[in-house]
Amino acid sequence: MRATAMELETRVGTAYVTAITIEDHRMAVRGDSALPPAETVHLQSLPYELFPGLVREARTTLGVRDPESWRIDVTPGAGGELGPRVRVTVSGAEGTAHLDADATGRVTDRRAVGVS
C-alpha cells in the first residue's frame, strides 16, 4: 500500500490530500491544493502496515458474518482529533458495519449499521 501511495503522490504532485480510499486492489486520493496542511492527510505518514489487521478485525468482529466487501477511508481528523481518522467499512448480506481508528491503528469506535 505504501508503494501505491508513493506512486499516487507522484501522479497528483503532492503528498497532502483530503481523502484516501482503499479497496481490494485499488487506491484513490482526492485533494484540494488550497487547503492548509492541517486540513489534509500526508500520504507517507499513514500506518499502512496496520491496515490489513484493521480490515481483518472489521471483517470478524462487527457482526457481518460473511463480508462481501471492505473499504478503508482516511480523512483528516475532525473536532480535536489528532491526526487522520481511519474508517474500515465491511458490507455483506446482513448489512454494513464500520470501525474507526486513529493514526496509530487504535480502534476508537465500532458501529454496526443495519446489521441484523
Protein backbone atom coordinates (compact mmCIF):
# COMPACT_ATOMS: atom_id res chain seq x y z
CA MET A 1 0.00 0.00 0.00
CA ARG A 2 2.82 2.39 0.81
CA ALA A 3 4.36 1.91 -2.65
CA THR A 4 1.00 2.63 -4.28
CA ALA A 5 0.61 5.74 -2.13
CA MET A 6 4.03 6.97 -3.27
CA GLU A 7 3.05 6.41 -6.91
CA LEU A 8 -0.17 8.37 -6.36
CA GLU A 9 1.80 11.16 -4.71
CA THR A 10 3.96 11.42 -7.81
CA ARG A 11 0.91 11.41 -10.08
CA VAL A 12 -1.02 14.10 -8.18
CA GLY A 13 2.07 16.15 -7.40
CA THR A 14 1.56 16.42 -3.64
CA ALA A 15 1.72 14.29 -0.51
CA TYR A 16 -1.11 16.30 1.12
CA VAL A 17 -4.59 15.05 0.20
CA THR A 18 -8.08 15.49 1.62
CA ALA A 19 -9.13 11.83 1.41
CA ILE A 20 -7.75 8.38 0.65
CA THR A 21 -9.89 5.40 -0.30
CA ILE A 22 -8.53 1.85 -0.36
CA GLU A 23 -10.48 -1.14 -1.60
CA ASP A 24 -9.38 -4.58 -2.72
CA HIS A 25 -6.61 -3.88 -5.30
CA ARG A 26 -7.49 -0.16 -5.64
CA MET A 27 -6.35 3.07 -4.01
CA ALA A 28 -7.55 6.59 -4.83
CA VAL A 29 -6.85 10.03 -3.42
CA ARG A 30 -8.67 13.37 -3.51
CA GLY A 31 -7.06 16.69 -2.90
CA ASP A 32 -7.52 20.42 -2.75
CA SER A 33 -4.31 22.40 -3.07
CA ALA A 34 -5.99 25.44 -1.50
CA LEU A 35 -6.34 23.76 1.91
CA PRO A 36 -3.67 24.19 4.58
CA PRO A 37 -1.73 21.06 5.62
CA ALA A 38 -3.65 20.89 8.91
CA GLU A 39 -6.81 20.06 6.94
CA THR A 40 -5.20 17.33 4.88
CA VAL A 41 -3.64 13.88 5.29
CA HIS A 42 0.03 13.34 4.46
CA LEU A 43 0.22 10.18 2.35
CA GLN A 44 3.52 8.94 3.75
CA SER A 45 2.56 9.43 7.41
CA LEU A 46 -0.08 6.68 7.48
CA PRO A 47 0.40 3.30 9.21
CA TYR A 48 -0.23 1.21 6.09
CA GLU A 49 1.25 -1.87 7.77
CA LEU A 50 -1.60 -1.76 10.31
CA PHE A 51 -4.40 -1.55 7.74
CA PRO A 52 -4.63 -5.31 6.97
CA GLY A 53 -5.12 -6.01 10.68
CA LEU A 54 -7.86 -3.37 10.90
CA VAL A 55 -9.62 -4.92 7.89
CA ARG A 56 -9.31 -8.38 9.48
CA GLU A 57 -10.74 -7.04 12.75
CA ALA A 58 -13.64 -5.33 10.96
CA ARG A 59 -14.41 -8.47 8.94
CA THR A 60 -14.50 -10.69 12.05
CA THR A 61 -15.83 -8.60 14.95
CA LEU A 62 -18.58 -6.30 13.68
CA GLY A 63 -21.40 -8.78 13.16
CA VAL A 64 -21.23 -9.12 9.37
CA ARG A 65 -20.87 -12.91 9.21
CA ASP A 66 -19.85 -13.19 5.56
CA PRO A 67 -18.49 -9.81 4.43
CA GLU A 68 -18.63 -9.39 0.67
CA SER A 69 -16.59 -6.18 0.53
CA TRP A 70 -14.39 -3.90 2.59
CA ARG A 71 -13.21 -0.34 2.23
CA ILE A 72 -10.79 1.94 4.08
CA ASP A 73 -11.42 5.69 4.10
CA VAL A 74 -8.81 8.02 5.55
CA THR A 75 -9.75 11.64 6.20
CA PRO A 76 -8.28 14.48 8.25
CA GLY A 77 -9.17 14.33 11.93
CA ALA A 78 -12.15 16.42 12.95
CA GLY A 79 -13.22 18.16 16.11
CA GLY A 80 -9.98 18.00 18.06
CA GLU A 81 -8.81 14.62 16.75
CA LEU A 82 -5.07 14.48 16.46
CA GLY A 83 -4.06 13.03 13.11
CA PRO A 84 -6.23 11.38 10.47
CA ARG A 85 -9.29 9.22 11.00
CA VAL A 86 -9.19 5.73 9.50
CA ARG A 87 -12.58 4.13 8.87
CA VAL A 88 -12.86 0.49 7.80
CA THR A 89 -16.28 -0.45 6.44
CA VAL A 90 -17.45 -4.00 5.73
CA SER A 91 -20.65 -4.97 3.93
CA GLY A 92 -22.47 -8.23 3.45
CA ALA A 93 -25.92 -9.77 3.35
CA GLU A 94 -26.52 -8.81 7.00
CA GLY A 95 -25.79 -5.13 6.38
CA THR A 96 -22.92 -2.69 6.79
CA ALA A 97 -20.66 -2.01 9.76
CA HIS A 98 -17.56 0.05 10.38
CA LEU A 99 -14.81 0.71 12.84
CA ASP A 100 -12.86 3.92 13.26
CA ALA A 101 -9.21 4.06 14.24
CA ASP A 102 -6.68 6.78 14.89
CA ALA A 103 -3.37 7.30 13.11
CA THR A 104 -1.71 4.68 15.32
CA GLY A 105 -4.24 1.99 14.40
CA ARG A 106 -6.01 2.12 17.79
CA VAL A 107 -9.75 1.41 17.35
CA THR A 108 -11.77 4.35 18.69
CA ASP A 109 -15.32 3.40 17.66
CA ARG A 110 -17.34 0.46 16.29
CA ARG A 111 -20.73 0.70 14.62
CA ALA A 112 -22.99 -1.94 13.19
CA VAL A 113 -25.28 -0.10 10.80
CA GLY A 114 -28.16 -2.22 9.56
CA VAL A 115 -26.59 -5.50 10.70
CA SER A 116 -29.35 -7.97 11.51
